[in-house]
Amino acid sequence: MSIALKEALVQRYFLSKVIQSIVLLFGVLLLVFVMVRITGDPAALMMPREASQEHVEAFREKMGFNDPVMVQFGRFISGAIVGDFGNSLHFKTPAMPLVLQRLPATVQLALAGLVMAVVVGVPLGLVGGFNPGSLVDSLGRFLALLGQSVPNFWLALILILYFAVRLRWFPSFGRDELKSVVLPAFVMGLPVMGQIVRLTRSAVLEIRGEDFIRTAHSKGLEPRTIYTKHVLRNVAIPLVSVIGVQFGYMLGGSIYIEIIFSWPGMGQLLEQAIGWRDFPLVQALAVFTSLVVLGLNLLTDMAYAVIDPRIRYG
């Protein structure tokens, strides 16, 4: 295959992924726009229950809900492109800056949980794959089963009761000190840890039986070289995909953890915005979270193609 053809295939692969992400983002915008309106009259939902009909009608006119649907959708899309979702009904300020203020807390929590999952899950999976049936392998499979089966909200309450209330090792809520991230990050990272352990172990067991590994052994290569250059490199291919996708889901799916631990992130803000019926803020949170997840998935696909050329050349 010529170099020019390879470059063309790479460009076509990356371009197709970008176009898919744009289409998915448009679908998210359409879904958010429709969901706000199928739940009932947006003006009646946003206004206080004790508001008079005159106030509701005035608010509907102010927000443009009397305009044709296509006009409303076009205005929503044009505002979303520049990050303008209107003012929060509760805070009386633009909605998107409020979302961005909560972003660092959510990123910190998701990143801490992901680091815990990778630091513990990858070594356990590697040792379990190289030494199936060992004590470490049994421990890894137990953690994998625990992470995939235990509800995270129940685990969060148990950890708070034991480590925060009884032992007083960690705070039970808030983001005041560094160790306050330990319990929520562990709860969020445990399911990902279990998935990483299972995936790494299965990948090692499968790769060890491949022909190219037996060939490397027959050539007299040192085991360390075989494991580093052949086994670990091939194990990294599915791991990159899983870690990237899971990090996006952790950013967007942390609402229960943030509520339980009173963590001041986007998940807690979303729960509050729904309770306040602050639909501009809900829309900003939904679209921004979807944009982050799609962006992370796009980066993961690109990294996956860099590691495994068969993806972009296939």
C-alpha atoms as a PDB file:
ATOM      1  CA  MET A   1       0.000   0.000   0.000  1.00  0.00           C
ATOM      2  CA  SER A   2       1.461   3.372  -1.048  1.00  0.00           C
ATOM      3  CA  ILE A   3       2.022   6.200   1.434  1.00  0.00           C
ATOM      4  CA  ALA A   4      -0.460   8.446  -0.396  1.00  0.00           C
ATOM      5  CA  LEU A   5      -3.160   5.768  -0.180  1.00  0.00           C
ATOM      6  CA  LYS A   6      -2.476   5.277   3.526  1.00  0.00           C
ATOM      7  CA  GLU A   7      -2.777   9.006   4.186  1.00  0.00           C
ATOM      8  CA  ALA A   8      -6.030   9.125   2.217  1.00  0.00           C
ATOM      9  CA  LEU A   9      -7.457   6.238   4.227  1.00  0.00           C
ATOM     10  CA  VAL A  10      -6.461   7.890   7.511  1.00  0.00           C
ATOM     11  CA  GLN A  11      -8.034  11.184   6.493  1.00  0.00           C
ATOM     12  CA  ARG A  12     -11.212   9.427   5.353  1.00  0.00           C
ATOM     13  CA  TYR A  13     -11.430   7.505   8.632  1.00  0.00           C
ATOM     14  CA  PHE A  14     -10.978  10.594  10.816  1.00  0.00           C
ATOM     15  CA  LEU A  15     -13.359  12.647   8.663  1.00  0.00           C
ATOM     16  CA  SER A  16     -16.042   9.971   8.900  1.00  0.00           C
ATOM     17  CA  LYS A  17     -15.741   9.941  12.696  1.00  0.00           C
ATOM     18  CA  VAL A  18     -16.049  13.743  12.856  1.00  0.00           C
ATOM     19  CA  ILE A  19     -19.136  13.678  10.624  1.00  0.00           C
ATOM     20  CA  GLN A  20     -20.708  10.935  12.776  1.00  0.00           C
ATOM     21  CA  SER A  21     -20.085  13.017  15.911  1.00  0.00           C
ATOM     22  CA  ILE A  22     -21.697  16.085  14.324  1.00  0.00           C
ATOM     23  CA  VAL A  23     -24.751  14.056  13.303  1.00  0.00           C
ATOM     24  CA  LEU A  24     -25.055  12.587  16.804  1.00  0.00           C
ATOM     25  CA  LEU A  25     -24.753  16.057  18.349  1.00  0.00           C
ATOM     26  CA  PHE A  26     -27.543  17.315  16.100  1.00  0.00           C
ATOM     27  CA  GLY A  27     -29.639  14.354  17.239  1.00  0.00           C
ATOM     28  CA  VAL A  28     -28.960  15.259  20.872  1.00  0.00           C
ATOM     29  CA  LEU A  29     -30.047  18.852  20.249  1.00  0.00           C
ATOM     30  CA  LEU A  30     -33.227  17.634  18.576  1.00  0.00           C
ATOM     31  CA  LEU A  31     -33.940  15.226  21.441  1.00  0.00           C
ATOM     32  CA  VAL A  32     -33.409  17.904  24.109  1.00  0.00           C
ATOM     33  CA  PHE A  33     -35.653  20.321  22.215  1.00  0.00           C
ATOM     34  CA  VAL A  34     -38.425  17.741  21.831  1.00  0.00           C
ATOM     35  CA  MET A  35     -38.236  16.384  25.393  1.00  0.00           C
ATOM     36  CA  VAL A  36     -38.814  19.826  26.898  1.00  0.00           C
ATOM     37  CA  ARG A  37     -41.987  20.201  24.886  1.00  0.00           C
ATOM     38  CA  ILE A  38     -43.533  16.737  25.135  1.00  0.00           C
ATOM     39  CA  THR A  39     -43.509  16.931  28.939  1.00  0.00           C
ATOM     40  CA  GLY A  40     -46.187  19.615  28.747  1.00  0.00           C
ATOM     41  CA  ASP A  41     -46.532  23.336  28.179  1.00  0.00           C
ATOM     42  CA  PRO A  42     -42.986  24.684  28.742  1.00  0.00           C
ATOM     43  CA  ALA A  43     -44.268  28.018  29.989  1.00  0.00           C
ATOM     44  CA  ALA A  44     -46.593  26.380  32.537  1.00  0.00           C
ATOM     45  CA  LEU A  45     -43.806  24.047  33.680  1.00  0.00           C
ATOM     46  CA  MET A  46     -41.263  26.817  34.089  1.00  0.00           C
ATOM     47  CA  MET A  47     -43.547  29.226  35.906  1.00  0.00           C
ATOM     48  CA  PRO A  48     -44.480  28.788  39.590  1.00  0.00           C
ATOM     49  CA  ARG A  49     -47.640  26.805  40.240  1.00  0.00           C
ATOM     50  CA  GLU A  50     -49.341  29.821  41.790  1.00  0.00           C
ATOM     51  CA  ALA A  51     -48.706  32.014  38.715  1.00  0.00           C
ATOM     52  CA  SER A  52     -51.802  33.442  37.090  1.00  0.00           C
ATOM     53  CA  GLN A  53     -52.787  32.679  33.509  1.00  0.00           C
ATOM     54  CA  GLU A  54     -51.848  36.228  32.504  1.00  0.00           C
ATOM     55  CA  HIS A  55     -48.333  35.789  33.848  1.00  0.00           C
ATOM     56  CA  VAL A  56     -48.006  32.439  32.085  1.00  0.00           C
ATOM     57  CA  GLU A  57     -49.109  33.968  28.780  1.00  0.00           C
ATOM     58  CA  ALA A  58     -46.698  36.868  29.191  1.00  0.00           C
ATOM     59  CA  PHE A  59     -43.864  34.453  29.956  1.00  0.00           C
ATOM     60  CA  ARG A  60     -44.778  32.303  26.959  1.00  0.00           C
ATOM     61  CA  GLU A  61     -44.611  35.335  24.699  1.00  0.00           C
ATOM     62  CA  LYS A  62     -41.304  36.476  26.221  1.00  0.00           C
ATOM     63  CA  MET A  63     -39.681  33.069  25.743  1.00  0.00           C
ATOM     64  CA  GLY A  64     -40.980  32.765  22.169  1.00  0.00           C
ATOM     65  CA  PHE A  65     -43.108  29.669  22.799  1.00  0.00           C
ATOM     66  CA  ASN A  66     -45.891  31.174  20.671  1.00  0.00           C
ATOM     67  CA  ASP A  67     -43.681  31.128  17.584  1.00  0.00           C
ATOM     68  CA  PRO A  68     -43.890  28.242  15.072  1.00  0.00           C
ATOM     69  CA  VAL A  69     -42.040  25.123  16.162  1.00  0.00           C
ATOM     70  CA  MET A  70     -39.482  25.347  13.365  1.00  0.00           C
ATOM     71  CA  VAL A  71     -38.708  28.942  14.306  1.00  0.00           C
ATOM     72  CA  GLN A  72     -38.206  27.885  17.922  1.00  0.00           C
ATOM     73  CA  PHE A  73     -35.964  25.018  16.862  1.00  0.00           C
ATOM     74  CA  GLY A  74     -33.876  27.243  14.620  1.00  0.00           C
ATOM     75  CA  ARG A  75     -33.472  29.747  17.440  1.00  0.00           C
ATOM     76  CA  PHE A  76     -32.505  26.924  19.811  1.00  0.00           C
ATOM     77  CA  ILE A  77     -29.909  25.528  17.384  1.00  0.00           C
ATOM     78  CA  SER A  78     -28.391  28.943  16.678  1.00  0.00           C
ATOM     79  CA  GLY A  79     -28.133  29.632  20.392  1.00  0.00           C
ATOM     80  CA  ALA A  80     -26.679  26.201  21.130  1.00  0.00           C
ATOM     81  CA  ILE A  81     -23.938  26.695  18.544  1.00  0.00           C
ATOM     82  CA  VAL A  82     -22.628  29.714  20.468  1.00  0.00           C
ATOM     83  CA  GLY A  83     -23.411  28.243  23.888  1.00  0.00           C
ATOM     84  CA  ASP A  84     -26.385  30.512  24.555  1.00  0.00           C
ATOM     85  CA  PHE A  85     -29.269  28.668  26.207  1.00  0.00           C
ATOM     86  CA  GLY A  86     -30.792  31.727  27.823  1.00  0.00           C
ATOM     87  CA  ASN A  87     -30.795  32.781  31.439  1.00  0.00           C
ATOM     88  CA  SER A  88     -31.315  30.383  34.300  1.00  0.00           C
ATOM     89  CA  LEU A  89     -34.767  30.925  35.789  1.00  0.00           C
ATOM     90  CA  HIS A  90     -33.431  30.350  39.297  1.00  0.00           C
ATOM     91  CA  PHE A  91     -30.108  32.217  39.215  1.00  0.00           C
ATOM     92  CA  LYS A  92     -31.199  34.907  36.719  1.00  0.00           C
ATOM     93  CA  THR A  93     -27.847  34.618  34.944  1.00  0.00           C
ATOM     94  CA  PRO A  94     -26.744  32.897  31.690  1.00  0.00           C
ATOM     95  CA  ALA A  95     -27.054  29.120  32.033  1.00  0.00           C
ATOM     96  CA  MET A  96     -23.837  27.974  30.353  1.00  0.00           C
ATOM     97  CA  PRO A  97     -21.403  29.812  32.697  1.00  0.00           C
ATOM     98  CA  LEU A  98     -23.168  28.108  35.611  1.00  0.00           C
ATOM     99  CA  VAL A  99     -22.475  24.736  33.996  1.00  0.00           C
ATOM    100  CA  LEU A 100     -18.829  25.586  33.397  1.00  0.00           C
ATOM    101  CA  GLN A 101     -18.428  26.584  37.049  1.00  0.00           C
ATOM    102  CA  ARG A 102     -19.415  23.068  38.099  1.00  0.00           C
ATOM    103  CA  LEU A 103     -17.304  21.309  35.468  1.00  0.00           C
ATOM    104  CA  PRO A 104     -13.994  21.188  37.448  1.00  0.00           C
ATOM    105  CA  ALA A 105     -15.621  19.358  40.379  1.00  0.00           C
ATOM    106  CA  THR A 106     -17.142  16.723  38.100  1.00  0.00           C
ATOM    107  CA  VAL A 107     -13.899  16.288  36.156  1.00  0.00           C
ATOM    108  CA  GLN A 108     -11.954  15.896  39.413  1.00  0.00           C
ATOM    109  CA  LEU A 109     -14.342  13.222  40.663  1.00  0.00           C
ATOM    110  CA  ALA A 110     -14.473  11.296  37.381  1.00  0.00           C
ATOM    111  CA  LEU A 111     -10.718  11.509  36.870  1.00  0.00           C
ATOM    112  CA  ALA A 112      -9.993  10.309  40.408  1.00  0.00           C
ATOM    113  CA  GLY A 113     -12.373   7.385  39.943  1.00  0.00           C
ATOM    114  CA  LEU A 114     -10.817   6.507  36.586  1.00  0.00           C
ATOM    115  CA  VAL A 115      -7.271   6.630  37.993  1.00  0.00           C
ATOM    116  CA  MET A 116      -8.298   4.303  40.840  1.00  0.00           C
ATOM    117  CA  ALA A 117      -9.918   1.924  38.368  1.00  0.00           C
ATOM    118  CA  VAL A 118      -6.890   1.827  36.044  1.00  0.00           C
ATOM    119  CA  VAL A 119      -4.211   1.662  38.756  1.00  0.00           C
ATOM    120  CA  VAL A 120      -5.925  -1.284  40.462  1.00  0.00           C
ATOM    121  CA  GLY A 121      -7.728  -2.941  37.558  1.00  0.00           C
ATOM    122  CA  VAL A 122      -4.939  -3.207  34.989  1.00  0.00           C
ATOM    123  CA  PRO A 123      -2.340  -4.897  37.261  1.00  0.00           C
ATOM    124  CA  LEU A 124      -4.950  -7.305  38.640  1.00  0.00           C
ATOM    125  CA  GLY A 125      -6.056  -8.183  35.117  1.00  0.00           C
ATOM    126  CA  LEU A 126      -2.490  -8.670  33.913  1.00  0.00           C
ATOM    127  CA  VAL A 127      -1.493 -10.881  36.845  1.00  0.00           C
ATOM    128  CA  GLY A 128      -4.727 -12.840  36.551  1.00  0.00           C
ATOM    129  CA  GLY A 129      -4.167 -13.368  32.836  1.00  0.00           C
ATOM    130  CA  PHE A 130      -0.560 -14.468  33.287  1.00  0.00           C
ATOM    131  CA  ASN A 131      -1.331 -16.648  36.329  1.00  0.00           C
ATOM    132  CA  PRO A 132      -4.934 -17.892  36.062  1.00  0.00           C
ATOM    133  CA  GLY A 133      -6.218 -19.550  39.218  1.00  0.00           C
ATOM    134  CA  SER A 134      -3.764 -17.752  41.505  1.00  0.00           C
ATOM    135  CA  LEU A 135      -4.722 -15.834  44.641  1.00  0.00           C
ATOM    136  CA  VAL A 136      -4.354 -12.508  42.844  1.00  0.00           C
ATOM    137  CA  ASP A 137      -6.519 -13.812  40.007  1.00  0.00           C
ATOM    138  CA  SER A 138      -9.225 -14.817  42.483  1.00  0.00           C
ATOM    139  CA  LEU A 139      -9.054 -11.374  44.082  1.00  0.00           C
ATOM    140  CA  GLY A 140      -9.350  -9.700  40.702  1.00  0.00           C
ATOM    141  CA  ARG A 141     -12.344 -11.785  39.678  1.00  0.00           C
ATOM    142  CA  PHE A 142     -13.999 -11.050  43.017  1.00  0.00           C
ATOM    143  CA  LEU A 143     -13.533  -7.288  42.533  1.00  0.00           C
ATOM    144  CA  ALA A 144     -14.811  -7.595  38.968  1.00  0.00           C
ATOM    145  CA  LEU A 145     -17.935  -9.380  40.169  1.00  0.00           C
ATOM    146  CA  LEU A 146     -18.389  -6.868  42.987  1.00  0.00           C
ATOM    147  CA  GLY A 147     -18.020  -3.897  40.689  1.00  0.00           C
ATOM    148  CA  GLN A 148     -20.486  -5.240  38.148  1.00  0.00           C
ATOM    149  CA  SER A 149     -23.170  -6.358  40.606  1.00  0.00           C
ATOM    150  CA  VAL A 150     -23.255  -3.974  43.595  1.00  0.00           C
ATOM    151  CA  PRO A 151     -25.490  -0.880  43.138  1.00  0.00           C
ATOM    152  CA  ASN A 152     -23.322   2.201  43.484  1.00  0.00           C
ATOM    153  CA  PHE A 153     -25.851   4.161  45.558  1.00  0.00           C
ATOM    154  CA  TRP A 154     -26.047   1.311  48.098  1.00  0.00           C
ATOM    155  CA  LEU A 155     -22.266   1.007  48.227  1.00  0.00           C
ATOM    156  CA  ALA A 156     -21.990   4.772  48.744  1.00  0.00           C
ATOM    157  CA  LEU A 157     -24.274   4.655  51.778  1.00  0.00           C
ATOM    158  CA  ILE A 158     -22.380   1.693  53.277  1.00  0.00           C
ATOM    159  CA  LEU A 159     -19.021   3.433  52.840  1.00  0.00           C
ATOM    160  CA  ILE A 160     -20.351   6.627  54.407  1.00  0.00           C
ATOM    161  CA  LEU A 161     -21.739   4.699  57.364  1.00  0.00           C
ATOM    162  CA  TYR A 162     -18.517   2.782  58.022  1.00  0.00           C
ATOM    163  CA  PHE A 163     -15.607   4.984  56.929  1.00  0.00           C
ATOM    164  CA  ALA A 164     -17.127   8.423  57.549  1.00  0.00           C
ATOM    165  CA  VAL A 165     -19.515   7.965  60.482  1.00  0.00           C
ATOM    166  CA  ARG A 166     -17.894   5.155  62.475  1.00  0.00           C
ATOM    167  CA  LEU A 167     -14.192   5.383  61.693  1.00  0.00           C
ATOM    168  CA  ARG A 168     -14.190   9.090  60.737  1.00  0.00           C
ATOM    169  CA  TRP A 169     -11.418   8.529  58.222  1.00  0.00           C
ATOM    170  CA  PHE A 170     -13.059  10.511  55.432  1.00  0.00           C
ATOM    171  CA  PRO A 171     -15.655  13.296  55.192  1.00  0.00           C
ATOM    172  CA  SER A 172     -19.180  12.136  54.452  1.00  0.00           C
ATOM    173  CA  PHE A 173     -20.004  15.002  52.106  1.00  0.00           C
ATOM    174  CA  GLY A 174     -18.638  18.109  50.445  1.00  0.00           C
ATOM    175  CA  ARG A 175     -15.466  19.030  48.590  1.00  0.00           C
ATOM    176  CA  ASP A 176     -13.582  20.895  51.296  1.00  0.00           C
ATOM    177  CA  GLU A 177     -10.384  18.812  51.423  1.00  0.00           C
ATOM    178  CA  LEU A 178      -8.448  16.416  49.215  1.00  0.00           C
ATOM    179  CA  LYS A 179      -9.476  13.245  51.039  1.00  0.00           C
ATOM    180  CA  SER A 180     -13.137  14.098  50.513  1.00  0.00           C
ATOM    181  CA  VAL A 181     -12.797  12.763  46.961  1.00  0.00           C
ATOM    182  CA  VAL A 182     -11.720   9.270  48.055  1.00  0.00           C
ATOM    183  CA  LEU A 183     -15.111   7.731  48.873  1.00  0.00           C
ATOM    184  CA  PRO A 184     -17.123   9.113  45.919  1.00  0.00           C
ATOM    185  CA  ALA A 185     -14.265   8.376  43.503  1.00  0.00           C
ATOM    186  CA  PHE A 186     -14.035   4.774  44.722  1.00  0.00           C
ATOM    187  CA  VAL A 187     -17.782   4.277  44.356  1.00  0.00           C
ATOM    188  CA  MET A 188     -17.712   5.729  40.852  1.00  0.00           C
ATOM    189  CA  GLY A 189     -14.582   3.841  39.809  1.00  0.00           C
ATOM    190  CA  LEU A 190     -15.476   0.389  41.136  1.00  0.00           C
ATOM    191  CA  PRO A 191     -17.726  -0.643  38.203  1.00  0.00           C
ATOM    192  CA  VAL A 192     -15.093   0.574  35.742  1.00  0.00           C
ATOM    193  CA  MET A 193     -12.415  -1.271  37.728  1.00  0.00           C
ATOM    194  CA  GLY A 194     -14.368  -4.498  37.438  1.00  0.00           C
ATOM    195  CA  GLN A 195     -14.770  -4.050  33.695  1.00  0.00           C
ATOM    196  CA  ILE A 196     -11.056  -3.295  33.251  1.00  0.00           C
ATOM    197  CA  VAL A 197     -10.044  -6.375  35.274  1.00  0.00           C
ATOM    198  CA  ARG A 198     -12.249  -8.664  33.207  1.00  0.00           C
ATOM    199  CA  LEU A 199     -11.219  -7.137  29.881  1.00  0.00           C
ATOM    200  CA  THR A 200      -7.486  -7.155  30.673  1.00  0.00           C
ATOM    201  CA  ARG A 201      -7.552 -10.722  31.972  1.00  0.00           C
ATOM    202  CA  SER A 202      -9.495 -11.987  28.947  1.00  0.00           C
ATOM    203  CA  ALA A 203      -7.222 -10.132  26.524  1.00  0.00           C
ATOM    204  CA  VAL A 204      -4.065 -11.565  28.125  1.00  0.00           C
ATOM    205  CA  LEU A 205      -5.452 -15.109  28.099  1.00  0.00           C
ATOM    206  CA  GLU A 206      -6.405 -14.782  24.439  1.00  0.00           C
ATOM    207  CA  ILE A 207      -3.152 -13.177  23.298  1.00  0.00           C
ATOM    208  CA  ARG A 208      -0.983 -15.725  25.113  1.00  0.00           C
ATOM    209  CA  GLY A 209      -2.346 -18.431  22.831  1.00  0.00           C
ATOM    210  CA  GLU A 210      -1.756 -16.562  19.557  1.00  0.00           C
ATOM    211  CA  ASP A 211       0.716 -17.869  16.978  1.00  0.00           C
ATOM    212  CA  PHE A 212       2.924 -14.779  17.093  1.00  0.00           C
ATOM    213  CA  ILE A 213       3.482 -15.266  20.842  1.00  0.00           C
ATOM    214  CA  ARG A 214       4.531 -18.885  20.323  1.00  0.00           C
ATOM    215  CA  THR A 215       6.805 -17.729  17.504  1.00  0.00           C
ATOM    216  CA  ALA A 216       8.406 -15.140  19.778  1.00  0.00           C
ATOM    217  CA  HIS A 217       9.052 -17.846  22.394  1.00  0.00           C
ATOM    218  CA  SER A 218      10.535 -20.161  19.756  1.00  0.00           C
ATOM    219  CA  LYS A 219      12.939 -17.411  18.687  1.00  0.00           C
ATOM    220  CA  GLY A 220      14.355 -17.335  22.182  1.00  0.00           C
ATOM    221  CA  LEU A 221      13.115 -13.865  23.162  1.00  0.00           C
ATOM    222  CA  GLU A 222      13.116 -13.084  26.860  1.00  0.00           C
ATOM    223  CA  PRO A 223       9.701 -13.362  28.556  1.00  0.00           C
ATOM    224  CA  ARG A 224       9.924  -9.721  29.662  1.00  0.00           C
ATOM    225  CA  THR A 225      10.409  -8.619  26.055  1.00  0.00           C
ATOM    226  CA  ILE A 226       7.521 -10.764  24.856  1.00  0.00           C
ATOM    227  CA  TYR A 227       5.163  -9.443  27.519  1.00  0.00           C
ATOM    228  CA  THR A 228       6.197  -5.816  27.009  1.00  0.00           C
ATOM    229  CA  LYS A 229       6.377  -5.570  23.228  1.00  0.00           C
ATOM    230  CA  HIS A 230       3.731  -8.085  22.213  1.00  0.00           C
ATOM    231  CA  VAL A 231       1.275  -8.880  24.991  1.00  0.00           C
ATOM    232  CA  LEU A 232       0.935  -5.477  26.655  1.00  0.00           C
ATOM    233  CA  ARG A 233       0.777  -3.621  23.351  1.00  0.00           C
ATOM    234  CA  ASN A 234      -2.114  -5.758  22.153  1.00  0.00           C
ATOM    235  CA  VAL A 235      -3.872  -5.555  25.524  1.00  0.00           C
ATOM    236  CA  ALA A 236      -3.707  -1.750  25.323  1.00  0.00           C
ATOM    237  CA  ILE A 237      -5.857  -1.710  22.180  1.00  0.00           C
ATOM    238  CA  PRO A 238      -9.205  -2.642  23.799  1.00  0.00           C
ATOM    239  CA  LEU A 239      -8.250  -0.887  27.047  1.00  0.00           C
ATOM    240  CA  VAL A 240      -7.940   2.503  25.338  1.00  0.00           C
ATOM    241  CA  SER A 241     -11.430   2.178  23.917  1.00  0.00           C
ATOM    242  CA  VAL A 242     -13.004   1.109  27.207  1.00  0.00           C
ATOM    243  CA  ILE A 243     -11.201   3.721  29.314  1.00  0.00           C
ATOM    244  CA  GLY A 244     -12.127   6.570  26.971  1.00  0.00           C
ATOM    245  CA  VAL A 245     -15.781   5.579  26.749  1.00  0.00           C
ATOM    246  CA  GLN A 246     -16.091   4.949  30.486  1.00  0.00           C
ATOM    247  CA  PHE A 247     -14.540   8.308  31.336  1.00  0.00           C
ATOM    248  CA  GLY A 248     -17.211  10.008  29.248  1.00  0.00           C
ATOM    249  CA  TYR A 249     -19.951   8.052  30.979  1.00  0.00           C
ATOM    250  CA  MET A 250     -18.452   8.894  34.379  1.00  0.00           C
ATOM    251  CA  LEU A 251     -18.595  12.588  33.536  1.00  0.00           C
ATOM    252  CA  GLY A 252     -22.193  12.367  32.414  1.00  0.00           C
ATOM    253  CA  GLY A 253     -23.512   9.777  34.847  1.00  0.00           C
ATOM    254  CA  SER A 254     -22.274  11.015  38.204  1.00  0.00           C
ATOM    255  CA  ILE A 255     -25.591  12.497  39.316  1.00  0.00           C
ATOM    256  CA  TYR A 256     -26.423   9.920  42.006  1.00  0.00           C
ATOM    257  CA  ILE A 257     -22.927   9.953  43.475  1.00  0.00           C
ATOM    258  CA  GLU A 258     -22.807  13.736  43.563  1.00  0.00           C
ATOM    259  CA  ILE A 259     -26.195  13.917  45.251  1.00  0.00           C
ATOM    260  CA  ILE A 260     -25.315  11.335  47.922  1.00  0.00           C
ATOM    261  CA  PHE A 261     -21.952  12.933  48.737  1.00  0.00           C
ATOM    262  CA  SER A 262     -23.168  16.530  48.197  1.00  0.00           C
ATOM    263  CA  TRP A 263     -20.441  16.933  45.603  1.00  0.00           C
ATOM    264  CA  PRO A 264     -20.803  20.354  43.903  1.00  0.00           C
ATOM    265  CA  GLY A 265     -20.575  19.132  40.313  1.00  0.00           C
ATOM    266  CA  MET A 266     -22.762  19.089  37.230  1.00  0.00           C
ATOM    267  CA  GLY A 267     -24.754  16.086  38.421  1.00  0.00           C
ATOM    268  CA  GLN A 268     -25.858  17.845  41.579  1.00  0.00           C
ATOM    269  CA  LEU A 269     -26.652  20.978  39.570  1.00  0.00           C
ATOM    270  CA  LEU A 270     -28.804  18.930  37.182  1.00  0.00           C
ATOM    271  CA  GLU A 271     -30.799  17.477  40.077  1.00  0.00           C
ATOM    272  CA  GLN A 272     -31.319  20.958  41.490  1.00  0.00           C
ATOM    273  CA  ALA A 273     -32.271  22.408  38.099  1.00  0.00           C
ATOM    274  CA  ILE A 274     -34.915  19.711  37.594  1.00  0.00           C
ATOM    275  CA  GLY A 275     -36.327  20.429  41.052  1.00  0.00           C
ATOM    276  CA  TRP A 276     -36.433  24.142  40.302  1.00  0.00           C
ATOM    277  CA  ARG A 277     -37.976  23.461  36.867  1.00  0.00           C
ATOM    278  CA  ASP A 278     -35.144  25.526  35.446  1.00  0.00           C
ATOM    279  CA  PHE A 279     -35.382  24.264  31.873  1.00  0.00           C
ATOM    280  CA  PRO A 280     -32.778  26.596  30.318  1.00  0.00           C
ATOM    281  CA  LEU A 281     -30.254  25.259  32.832  1.00  0.00           C
ATOM    282  CA  VAL A 282     -31.378  21.650  32.220  1.00  0.00           C
ATOM    283  CA  GLN A 283     -30.955  22.142  28.479  1.00  0.00           C
ATOM    284  CA  ALA A 284     -27.490  23.637  28.908  1.00  0.00           C
ATOM    285  CA  LEU A 285     -26.415  20.746  31.153  1.00  0.00           C
ATOM    286  CA  ALA A 286     -27.821  18.082  28.828  1.00  0.00           C
ATOM    287  CA  VAL A 287     -26.260  19.512  25.685  1.00  0.00           C
ATOM    288  CA  PHE A 288     -22.888  20.286  27.295  1.00  0.00           C
ATOM    289  CA  THR A 289     -22.630  16.812  28.847  1.00  0.00           C
ATOM    290  CA  SER A 290     -23.518  15.192  25.537  1.00  0.00           C
ATOM    291  CA  LEU A 291     -20.919  17.335  23.770  1.00  0.00           C
ATOM    292  CA  VAL A 292     -18.226  16.255  26.251  1.00  0.00           C
ATOM    293  CA  VAL A 293     -19.145  12.570  25.886  1.00  0.00           C
ATOM    294  CA  LEU A 294     -19.167  12.773  22.081  1.00  0.00           C
ATOM    295  CA  GLY A 295     -15.832  14.598  22.119  1.00  0.00           C
ATOM    296  CA  LEU A 296     -14.253  11.959  24.343  1.00  0.00           C
ATOM    297  CA  ASN A 297     -15.628   9.165  22.168  1.00  0.00           C
ATOM    298  CA  LEU A 298     -14.193  10.883  19.086  1.00  0.00           C
ATOM    299  CA  LEU A 299     -10.771  11.180  20.718  1.00  0.00           C
ATOM    300  CA  THR A 300     -10.989   7.540  21.785  1.00  0.00           C
ATOM    301  CA  ASP A 301     -11.753   6.412  18.228  1.00  0.00           C
ATOM    302  CA  MET A 302      -8.789   8.386  16.943  1.00  0.00           C
ATOM    303  CA  ALA A 303      -6.458   7.014  19.607  1.00  0.00           C
ATOM    304  CA  TYR A 304      -7.764   3.519  18.875  1.00  0.00           C
ATOM    305  CA  ALA A 305      -6.930   3.975  15.190  1.00  0.00           C
ATOM    306  CA  VAL A 306      -3.429   5.215  16.017  1.00  0.00           C
ATOM    307  CA  ILE A 307      -2.702   2.184  18.193  1.00  0.00           C
ATOM    308  CA  ASP A 308      -4.282  -0.353  15.827  1.00  0.00           C
ATOM    309  CA  PRO A 309      -3.740   0.604  12.141  1.00  0.00           C
ATOM    310  CA  ARG A 310      -6.087  -2.193  11.059  1.00  0.00           C
ATOM    311  CA  ILE A 311      -9.017  -0.021  12.174  1.00  0.00           C
ATOM    312  CA  ARG A 312      -8.324   2.872   9.813  1.00  0.00           C
ATOM    313  CA  TYR A 313      -7.034   0.745   6.946  1.00  0.00           C
ATOM    314  CA  GLY A 314      -9.816  -1.836   7.177  1.00  0.00           C
END
